[in-house]
């Protein structure tokens, strides 16, 4: 059994889906082994919401044509959820998306991005220049790290609403202790101080809320990057894989 519609995995910033580095680790492969039609979108690692949405639209249209399908299910991580929402509303794709599931997406922004923007502009601009250069080398078509940071800063409400015809749900993760993930452990220290609420190290649980919010993907301590199978220990890996399998099974049972 498999979902009726193809599944599109959409990554956030920093990550890219290239030959030797998969944006969702082994998750795409595992879901294919379950019989699902799964693809990871080829979007820029540091593209703006608008430019990534354009790339995502083109990618989805190719998948729809390949399978002679009418709609897709989108599972988006982090900023990928913002890219998907923009694509649906602003690029006339609402009739081609059956469901949108966002994981750790900063629908209300991130305090960390807001604080970065308070650094001296020359430092921000120089850092953004080098990030853009590196990501062009790795295949980004239109990297714009400075604009991306501006797009991710905190905002009081999520103003982008989608059609009622699309089933929308969201999940968060909670990194409970810095020692649970040495990569996200450092930003977690700052996130706890600024957000004043649980977070995955980069995005607060409250900011992750969108549509039918279902809480944390897993009960145990999982970081923003671990949920996409990045630098995860073996014990957590199996639980993360099972979450994605269960998520797709749920979509399948709902007729998506």
C-alpha atoms as a PDB file:
ATOM      1  CA  UNK A   1       0.000   0.000   0.000  1.00  0.00           C
ATOM      2  CA  UNK A   2       1.081   3.588  -0.541  1.00  0.00           C
ATOM      3  CA  UNK A   3      -0.239   7.124  -0.528  1.00  0.00           C
ATOM      4  CA  UNK A   4      -2.464   7.981  -3.457  1.00  0.00           C
ATOM      5  CA  UNK A   5      -0.362  11.027  -4.283  1.00  0.00           C
ATOM      6  CA  UNK A   6       3.417  11.363  -4.663  1.00  0.00           C
ATOM      7  CA  UNK A   7       5.232  12.611  -1.550  1.00  0.00           C
ATOM      8  CA  UNK A   8       7.555  15.594  -1.858  1.00  0.00           C
ATOM      9  CA  UNK A   9      10.145  16.137   0.882  1.00  0.00           C
ATOM     10  CA  UNK A  10      11.208  19.793   1.157  1.00  0.00           C
ATOM     11  CA  UNK A  11      14.318  20.754   3.137  1.00  0.00           C
ATOM     12  CA  UNK A  12      15.131  23.994   4.918  1.00  0.00           C
ATOM     13  CA  UNK A  13      18.219  26.228   4.957  1.00  0.00           C
ATOM     14  CA  UNK A  14      21.793  24.901   5.044  1.00  0.00           C
ATOM     15  CA  UNK A  15      20.742  21.462   3.788  1.00  0.00           C
ATOM     16  CA  UNK A  16      20.891  20.477   0.123  1.00  0.00           C
ATOM     17  CA  UNK A  17      20.025  17.286  -1.684  1.00  0.00           C
ATOM     18  CA  UNK A  18      23.063  16.420  -3.758  1.00  0.00           C
ATOM     19  CA  UNK A  19      24.841  13.208  -4.767  1.00  0.00           C
ATOM     20  CA  UNK A  20      26.944  12.655  -1.663  1.00  0.00           C
ATOM     21  CA  UNK A  21      24.709  14.422   0.847  1.00  0.00           C
ATOM     22  CA  UNK A  22      21.008  13.696   1.165  1.00  0.00           C
ATOM     23  CA  UNK A  23      18.901  16.418   2.773  1.00  0.00           C
ATOM     24  CA  UNK A  24      16.716  13.833   4.549  1.00  0.00           C
ATOM     25  CA  UNK A  25      19.367  11.188   5.134  1.00  0.00           C
ATOM     26  CA  UNK A  26      17.920   7.698   4.525  1.00  0.00           C
ATOM     27  CA  UNK A  27      14.314   8.827   4.998  1.00  0.00           C
ATOM     28  CA  UNK A  28      13.473   9.052   1.280  1.00  0.00           C
ATOM     29  CA  UNK A  29      14.901   5.580   0.683  1.00  0.00           C
ATOM     30  CA  UNK A  30      13.042   4.051   3.635  1.00  0.00           C
ATOM     31  CA  UNK A  31       9.708   5.505   2.536  1.00  0.00           C
ATOM     32  CA  UNK A  32      10.272   4.162  -0.974  1.00  0.00           C
ATOM     33  CA  UNK A  33      10.866   0.734   0.539  1.00  0.00           C
ATOM     34  CA  UNK A  34       7.409   1.079   2.102  1.00  0.00           C
ATOM     35  CA  UNK A  35       5.964   1.474  -1.410  1.00  0.00           C
ATOM     36  CA  UNK A  36       5.512   5.244  -1.485  1.00  0.00           C
ATOM     37  CA  UNK A  37       6.370   7.508  -4.422  1.00  0.00           C
ATOM     38  CA  UNK A  38       8.842   9.846  -2.724  1.00  0.00           C
ATOM     39  CA  UNK A  39      11.032  12.658  -4.042  1.00  0.00           C
ATOM     40  CA  UNK A  40      13.242  15.229  -2.335  1.00  0.00           C
ATOM     41  CA  UNK A  41      12.820  18.664  -3.912  1.00  0.00           C
ATOM     42  CA  UNK A  42      15.878  20.265  -5.493  1.00  0.00           C
ATOM     43  CA  UNK A  43      15.765  23.732  -3.963  1.00  0.00           C
ATOM     44  CA  UNK A  44      18.544  26.113  -2.915  1.00  0.00           C
ATOM     45  CA  UNK A  45      20.118  25.739   0.501  1.00  0.00           C
ATOM     46  CA  UNK A  46      20.118  29.501   1.032  1.00  0.00           C
ATOM     47  CA  UNK A  47      17.492  30.671  -1.446  1.00  0.00           C
ATOM     48  CA  UNK A  48      14.810  33.159  -0.426  1.00  0.00           C
ATOM     49  CA  UNK A  49      11.261  31.977   0.165  1.00  0.00           C
ATOM     50  CA  UNK A  50      10.160  33.341  -3.208  1.00  0.00           C
ATOM     51  CA  UNK A  51      12.989  31.879  -5.313  1.00  0.00           C
ATOM     52  CA  UNK A  52      12.772  28.498  -3.578  1.00  0.00           C
ATOM     53  CA  UNK A  53       9.007  28.471  -4.067  1.00  0.00           C
ATOM     54  CA  UNK A  54       9.520  28.943  -7.805  1.00  0.00           C
ATOM     55  CA  UNK A  55      12.023  26.062  -7.865  1.00  0.00           C
ATOM     56  CA  UNK A  56       9.663  23.902  -5.806  1.00  0.00           C
ATOM     57  CA  UNK A  57       6.763  24.565  -8.167  1.00  0.00           C
ATOM     58  CA  UNK A  58       8.826  23.520 -11.183  1.00  0.00           C
ATOM     59  CA  UNK A  59       9.986  20.359  -9.391  1.00  0.00           C
ATOM     60  CA  UNK A  60       6.449  19.368  -8.363  1.00  0.00           C
ATOM     61  CA  UNK A  61       5.094  19.914 -11.845  1.00  0.00           C
ATOM     62  CA  UNK A  62       7.759  17.535 -13.177  1.00  0.00           C
ATOM     63  CA  UNK A  63       6.742  14.875 -10.641  1.00  0.00           C
ATOM     64  CA  UNK A  64       3.033  15.305 -11.421  1.00  0.00           C
ATOM     65  CA  UNK A  65       3.742  14.914 -15.125  1.00  0.00           C
ATOM     66  CA  UNK A  66       5.902  11.827 -14.550  1.00  0.00           C
ATOM     67  CA  UNK A  67       3.164  10.045 -12.602  1.00  0.00           C
ATOM     68  CA  UNK A  68       0.186  11.554 -14.454  1.00  0.00           C
ATOM     69  CA  UNK A  69      -0.977  12.668 -11.007  1.00  0.00           C
ATOM     70  CA  UNK A  70      -3.136  15.626 -10.033  1.00  0.00           C
ATOM     71  CA  UNK A  71      -1.819  16.362  -6.541  1.00  0.00           C
ATOM     72  CA  UNK A  72       1.110  15.786  -4.188  1.00  0.00           C
ATOM     73  CA  UNK A  73       1.610  15.456  -0.449  1.00  0.00           C
ATOM     74  CA  UNK A  74       4.271  17.808   0.872  1.00  0.00           C
ATOM     75  CA  UNK A  75       6.336  17.036   3.975  1.00  0.00           C
ATOM     76  CA  UNK A  76       8.460  20.093   4.664  1.00  0.00           C
ATOM     77  CA  UNK A  77      11.151  20.714   7.265  1.00  0.00           C
ATOM     78  CA  UNK A  78      12.061  24.104   8.713  1.00  0.00           C
ATOM     79  CA  UNK A  79      12.072  26.933   6.139  1.00  0.00           C
ATOM     80  CA  UNK A  80      10.898  24.404   3.545  1.00  0.00           C
ATOM     81  CA  UNK A  81       7.448  24.795   5.068  1.00  0.00           C
ATOM     82  CA  UNK A  82       7.531  28.541   4.397  1.00  0.00           C
ATOM     83  CA  UNK A  83       8.661  27.896   0.820  1.00  0.00           C
ATOM     84  CA  UNK A  84       5.775  25.467   0.330  1.00  0.00           C
ATOM     85  CA  UNK A  85       3.170  27.817   1.803  1.00  0.00           C
ATOM     86  CA  UNK A  86       4.328  30.672  -0.414  1.00  0.00           C
ATOM     87  CA  UNK A  87       4.272  28.425  -3.468  1.00  0.00           C
ATOM     88  CA  UNK A  88       0.726  27.272  -2.752  1.00  0.00           C
ATOM     89  CA  UNK A  89      -0.741  30.701  -2.119  1.00  0.00           C
ATOM     90  CA  UNK A  90       1.290  32.998  -4.354  1.00  0.00           C
ATOM     91  CA  UNK A  91       2.131  30.706  -7.287  1.00  0.00           C
ATOM     92  CA  UNK A  92      -1.333  29.256  -7.869  1.00  0.00           C
ATOM     93  CA  UNK A  93      -0.544  25.719  -6.697  1.00  0.00           C
ATOM     94  CA  UNK A  94      -3.409  25.190  -4.246  1.00  0.00           C
ATOM     95  CA  UNK A  95      -5.164  22.785  -6.610  1.00  0.00           C
ATOM     96  CA  UNK A  96      -2.034  20.628  -6.942  1.00  0.00           C
ATOM     97  CA  UNK A  97      -1.389  20.002  -3.244  1.00  0.00           C
ATOM     98  CA  UNK A  98      -3.487  17.503  -1.266  1.00  0.00           C
ATOM     99  CA  UNK A  99      -1.741  17.914   2.078  1.00  0.00           C
ATOM    100  CA  UNK A 100       1.009  19.955   3.697  1.00  0.00           C
ATOM    101  CA  UNK A 101       2.837  18.645   6.759  1.00  0.00           C
ATOM    102  CA  UNK A 102       5.421  20.963   8.304  1.00  0.00           C
ATOM    103  CA  UNK A 103       8.128  19.837  10.725  1.00  0.00           C
ATOM    104  CA  UNK A 104       9.865  22.417  12.941  1.00  0.00           C
ATOM    105  CA  UNK A 105       8.890  25.218  10.563  1.00  0.00           C
ATOM    106  CA  UNK A 106       9.265  28.770  11.955  1.00  0.00           C
ATOM    107  CA  UNK A 107       5.777  29.944  10.993  1.00  0.00           C
ATOM    108  CA  UNK A 108       6.169  32.846  13.431  1.00  0.00           C
ATOM    109  CA  UNK A 109       9.883  33.226  12.816  1.00  0.00           C
ATOM    110  CA  UNK A 110      12.886  32.566  15.029  1.00  0.00           C
ATOM    111  CA  UNK A 111      14.342  34.743  17.773  1.00  0.00           C
ATOM    112  CA  UNK A 112      17.818  33.573  16.759  1.00  0.00           C
ATOM    113  CA  UNK A 113      17.389  35.105  13.295  1.00  0.00           C
ATOM    114  CA  UNK A 114      16.140  38.325  14.890  1.00  0.00           C
ATOM    115  CA  UNK A 115      19.196  38.520  17.152  1.00  0.00           C
ATOM    116  CA  UNK A 116      21.606  37.834  14.276  1.00  0.00           C
ATOM    117  CA  UNK A 117      20.147  40.806  12.432  1.00  0.00           C
ATOM    118  CA  UNK A 118      21.107  43.058  15.351  1.00  0.00           C
ATOM    119  CA  UNK A 119      24.808  42.367  14.747  1.00  0.00           C
ATOM    120  CA  UNK A 120      26.803  45.082  12.934  1.00  0.00           C
ATOM    121  CA  UNK A 121      25.743  45.123   9.286  1.00  0.00           C
ATOM    122  CA  UNK A 122      29.290  44.772   7.888  1.00  0.00           C
ATOM    123  CA  UNK A 123      29.685  41.476   9.783  1.00  0.00           C
ATOM    124  CA  UNK A 124      26.328  40.211   8.499  1.00  0.00           C
ATOM    125  CA  UNK A 125      27.067  41.265   4.921  1.00  0.00           C
ATOM    126  CA  UNK A 126      30.549  39.704   4.857  1.00  0.00           C
ATOM    127  CA  UNK A 127      29.271  36.452   6.361  1.00  0.00           C
ATOM    128  CA  UNK A 128      26.388  36.356   3.892  1.00  0.00           C
ATOM    129  CA  UNK A 129      28.795  36.951   0.984  1.00  0.00           C
ATOM    130  CA  UNK A 130      30.878  33.888   1.890  1.00  0.00           C
ATOM    131  CA  UNK A 131      27.812  31.730   2.510  1.00  0.00           C
ATOM    132  CA  UNK A 132      26.420  32.702  -0.885  1.00  0.00           C
ATOM    133  CA  UNK A 133      29.735  31.959  -2.584  1.00  0.00           C
ATOM    134  CA  UNK A 134      30.039  28.524  -0.979  1.00  0.00           C
ATOM    135  CA  UNK A 135      26.467  27.578  -1.810  1.00  0.00           C
ATOM    136  CA  UNK A 136      26.858  28.676  -5.420  1.00  0.00           C
ATOM    137  CA  UNK A 137      29.760  26.231  -5.631  1.00  0.00           C
ATOM    138  CA  UNK A 138      27.430  23.520  -4.299  1.00  0.00           C
ATOM    139  CA  UNK A 139      24.761  24.298  -6.865  1.00  0.00           C
ATOM    140  CA  UNK A 140      22.538  27.046  -5.455  1.00  0.00           C
ATOM    141  CA  UNK A 141      21.095  29.113  -8.286  1.00  0.00           C
ATOM    142  CA  UNK A 142      20.143  32.217  -6.296  1.00  0.00           C
ATOM    143  CA  UNK A 143      21.581  32.116  -2.751  1.00  0.00           C
ATOM    144  CA  UNK A 144      20.800  35.166  -0.632  1.00  0.00           C
ATOM    145  CA  UNK A 145      21.736  34.436   2.981  1.00  0.00           C
ATOM    146  CA  UNK A 146      21.076  37.986   4.223  1.00  0.00           C
ATOM    147  CA  UNK A 147      17.529  38.095   2.851  1.00  0.00           C
ATOM    148  CA  UNK A 148      16.834  34.597   4.177  1.00  0.00           C
ATOM    149  CA  UNK A 149      17.807  35.718   7.678  1.00  0.00           C
ATOM    150  CA  UNK A 150      15.445  38.693   7.375  1.00  0.00           C
ATOM    151  CA  UNK A 151      12.642  36.382   6.281  1.00  0.00           C
ATOM    152  CA  UNK A 152      13.178  34.137   9.304  1.00  0.00           C
ATOM    153  CA  UNK A 153      13.085  36.832  11.989  1.00  0.00           C
ATOM    154  CA  UNK A 154      10.335  36.674  14.600  1.00  0.00           C
ATOM    155  CA  UNK A 155       6.889  37.994  13.810  1.00  0.00           C
ATOM    156  CA  UNK A 156       3.818  38.179  16.078  1.00  0.00           C
ATOM    157  CA  UNK A 157       1.491  36.173  13.836  1.00  0.00           C
ATOM    158  CA  UNK A 158       1.605  33.875  10.836  1.00  0.00           C
ATOM    159  CA  UNK A 159      -0.148  35.853   8.107  1.00  0.00           C
ATOM    160  CA  UNK A 160       0.006  33.293   5.291  1.00  0.00           C
ATOM    161  CA  UNK A 161      -3.183  31.228   5.276  1.00  0.00           C
ATOM    162  CA  UNK A 162      -3.975  28.396   2.877  1.00  0.00           C
ATOM    163  CA  UNK A 163      -7.110  27.103   1.188  1.00  0.00           C
ATOM    164  CA  UNK A 164      -9.412  24.901   3.271  1.00  0.00           C
ATOM    165  CA  UNK A 165      -9.148  22.332   0.454  1.00  0.00           C
ATOM    166  CA  UNK A 166      -5.602  21.479   1.602  1.00  0.00           C
ATOM    167  CA  UNK A 167      -5.134  19.378   4.719  1.00  0.00           C
ATOM    168  CA  UNK A 168      -2.527  21.183   6.838  1.00  0.00           C
ATOM    169  CA  UNK A 169      -0.801  19.766   9.897  1.00  0.00           C
ATOM    170  CA  UNK A 170       2.356  20.529  11.820  1.00  0.00           C
ATOM    171  CA  UNK A 171       4.800  19.002  14.270  1.00  0.00           C
ATOM    172  CA  UNK A 172       7.566  20.311  16.476  1.00  0.00           C
ATOM    173  CA  UNK A 173      10.471  18.665  18.285  1.00  0.00           C
ATOM    174  CA  UNK A 174      11.981  19.548  21.655  1.00  0.00           C
ATOM    175  CA  UNK A 175      15.694  19.454  22.447  1.00  0.00           C
ATOM    176  CA  UNK A 176      15.642  19.224  26.234  1.00  0.00           C
ATOM    177  CA  UNK A 177      19.353  19.435  27.022  1.00  0.00           C
ATOM    178  CA  UNK A 178      22.316  20.863  25.119  1.00  0.00           C
ATOM    179  CA  UNK A 179      24.272  17.643  25.617  1.00  0.00           C
ATOM    180  CA  UNK A 180      21.603  15.691  23.691  1.00  0.00           C
ATOM    181  CA  UNK A 181      22.891  17.120  20.384  1.00  0.00           C
ATOM    182  CA  UNK A 182      26.290  18.806  20.214  1.00  0.00           C
ATOM    183  CA  UNK A 183      25.360  20.571  16.939  1.00  0.00           C
ATOM    184  CA  UNK A 184      22.133  22.193  18.131  1.00  0.00           C
ATOM    185  CA  UNK A 185      23.259  22.360  21.750  1.00  0.00           C
ATOM    186  CA  UNK A 186      24.878  25.791  21.408  1.00  0.00           C
ATOM    187  CA  UNK A 187      21.936  27.553  19.702  1.00  0.00           C
ATOM    188  CA  UNK A 188      19.639  25.870  22.261  1.00  0.00           C
ATOM    189  CA  UNK A 189      21.332  27.849  25.048  1.00  0.00           C
ATOM    190  CA  UNK A 190      20.431  31.103  23.317  1.00  0.00           C
ATOM    191  CA  UNK A 191      17.022  29.870  22.191  1.00  0.00           C
ATOM    192  CA  UNK A 192      16.024  28.998  25.767  1.00  0.00           C
ATOM    193  CA  UNK A 193      17.085  32.462  26.900  1.00  0.00           C
ATOM    194  CA  UNK A 194      15.261  34.360  24.151  1.00  0.00           C
ATOM    195  CA  UNK A 195      12.234  32.177  23.441  1.00  0.00           C
ATOM    196  CA  UNK A 196      11.323  31.455  27.080  1.00  0.00           C
ATOM    197  CA  UNK A 197       9.673  28.201  25.971  1.00  0.00           C
ATOM    198  CA  UNK A 198      10.625  24.740  24.643  1.00  0.00           C
ATOM    199  CA  UNK A 199      12.393  24.647  21.287  1.00  0.00           C
ATOM    200  CA  UNK A 200      14.338  22.324  19.026  1.00  0.00           C
ATOM    201  CA  UNK A 201      17.419  24.511  19.290  1.00  0.00           C
ATOM    202  CA  UNK A 202      16.373  26.928  16.561  1.00  0.00           C
ATOM    203  CA  UNK A 203      12.567  27.072  16.430  1.00  0.00           C
ATOM    204  CA  UNK A 204      10.189  27.291  19.374  1.00  0.00           C
ATOM    205  CA  UNK A 205       7.271  24.898  19.683  1.00  0.00           C
ATOM    206  CA  UNK A 206       4.859  27.812  19.465  1.00  0.00           C
ATOM    207  CA  UNK A 207       6.381  29.003  16.203  1.00  0.00           C
ATOM    208  CA  UNK A 208       6.024  25.481  14.788  1.00  0.00           C
ATOM    209  CA  UNK A 209       2.229  25.566  15.175  1.00  0.00           C
ATOM    210  CA  UNK A 210       0.300  25.595  11.900  1.00  0.00           C
ATOM    211  CA  UNK A 211      -3.000  24.060  10.845  1.00  0.00           C
ATOM    212  CA  UNK A 212      -3.659  20.905  12.876  1.00  0.00           C
ATOM    213  CA  UNK A 213      -0.752  21.106  15.331  1.00  0.00           C
ATOM    214  CA  UNK A 214       0.056  17.644  16.682  1.00  0.00           C
ATOM    215  CA  UNK A 215       2.823  18.474  19.130  1.00  0.00           C
ATOM    216  CA  UNK A 216       6.258  16.876  19.125  1.00  0.00           C
ATOM    217  CA  UNK A 217       7.118  14.224  16.535  1.00  0.00           C
ATOM    218  CA  UNK A 218       8.605  12.084  19.298  1.00  0.00           C
ATOM    219  CA  UNK A 219       8.431  12.180  23.076  1.00  0.00           C
ATOM    220  CA  UNK A 220      12.183  12.102  23.626  1.00  0.00           C
ATOM    221  CA  UNK A 221      14.722  14.882  23.144  1.00  0.00           C
ATOM    222  CA  UNK A 222      15.121  15.504  19.389  1.00  0.00           C
ATOM    223  CA  UNK A 223      16.756  18.528  17.774  1.00  0.00           C
ATOM    224  CA  UNK A 224      15.929  20.609  14.732  1.00  0.00           C
ATOM    225  CA  UNK A 225      18.492  18.780  12.611  1.00  0.00           C
ATOM    226  CA  UNK A 226      18.042  15.285  14.027  1.00  0.00           C
ATOM    227  CA  UNK A 227      14.456  15.002  12.783  1.00  0.00           C
ATOM    228  CA  UNK A 228      15.788  14.960   9.205  1.00  0.00           C
ATOM    229  CA  UNK A 229      18.289  12.199  10.001  1.00  0.00           C
ATOM    230  CA  UNK A 230      21.330  14.457  10.347  1.00  0.00           C
ATOM    231  CA  UNK A 231      24.009  13.273  12.793  1.00  0.00           C
ATOM    232  CA  UNK A 232      21.644  11.036  14.768  1.00  0.00           C
ATOM    233  CA  UNK A 233      22.629   8.108  16.964  1.00  0.00           C
ATOM    234  CA  UNK A 234      21.336   4.654  16.077  1.00  0.00           C
ATOM    235  CA  UNK A 235      18.802   4.514  18.911  1.00  0.00           C
ATOM    236  CA  UNK A 236      17.077   7.695  17.765  1.00  0.00           C
ATOM    237  CA  UNK A 237      17.339   6.862  14.058  1.00  0.00           C
ATOM    238  CA  UNK A 238      14.911   3.965  14.204  1.00  0.00           C
ATOM    239  CA  UNK A 239      12.336   6.044  16.074  1.00  0.00           C
ATOM    240  CA  UNK A 240      12.668   8.887  13.589  1.00  0.00           C
ATOM    241  CA  UNK A 241      12.250   6.524  10.646  1.00  0.00           C
ATOM    242  CA  UNK A 242       9.169   5.040  12.292  1.00  0.00           C
ATOM    243  CA  UNK A 243       7.696   8.517  12.710  1.00  0.00           C
ATOM    244  CA  UNK A 244       7.916   9.146   8.954  1.00  0.00           C
ATOM    245  CA  UNK A 245       6.492   5.709   8.167  1.00  0.00           C
ATOM    246  CA  UNK A 246       3.571   6.347  10.528  1.00  0.00           C
ATOM    247  CA  UNK A 247       3.049   9.828   9.096  1.00  0.00           C
ATOM    248  CA  UNK A 248       2.755   8.482   5.550  1.00  0.00           C
ATOM    249  CA  UNK A 249       0.501   5.660   6.712  1.00  0.00           C
ATOM    250  CA  UNK A 250      -1.790   8.234   8.295  1.00  0.00           C
ATOM    251  CA  UNK A 251      -1.916  10.249   5.067  1.00  0.00           C
ATOM    252  CA  UNK A 252      -2.630   7.043   3.171  1.00  0.00           C
ATOM    253  CA  UNK A 253      -5.506   6.137   5.496  1.00  0.00           C
ATOM    254  CA  UNK A 254      -6.946   9.626   5.055  1.00  0.00           C
ATOM    255  CA  UNK A 255      -7.058   9.083   1.303  1.00  0.00           C
ATOM    256  CA  UNK A 256      -4.134  11.340   0.431  1.00  0.00           C
END
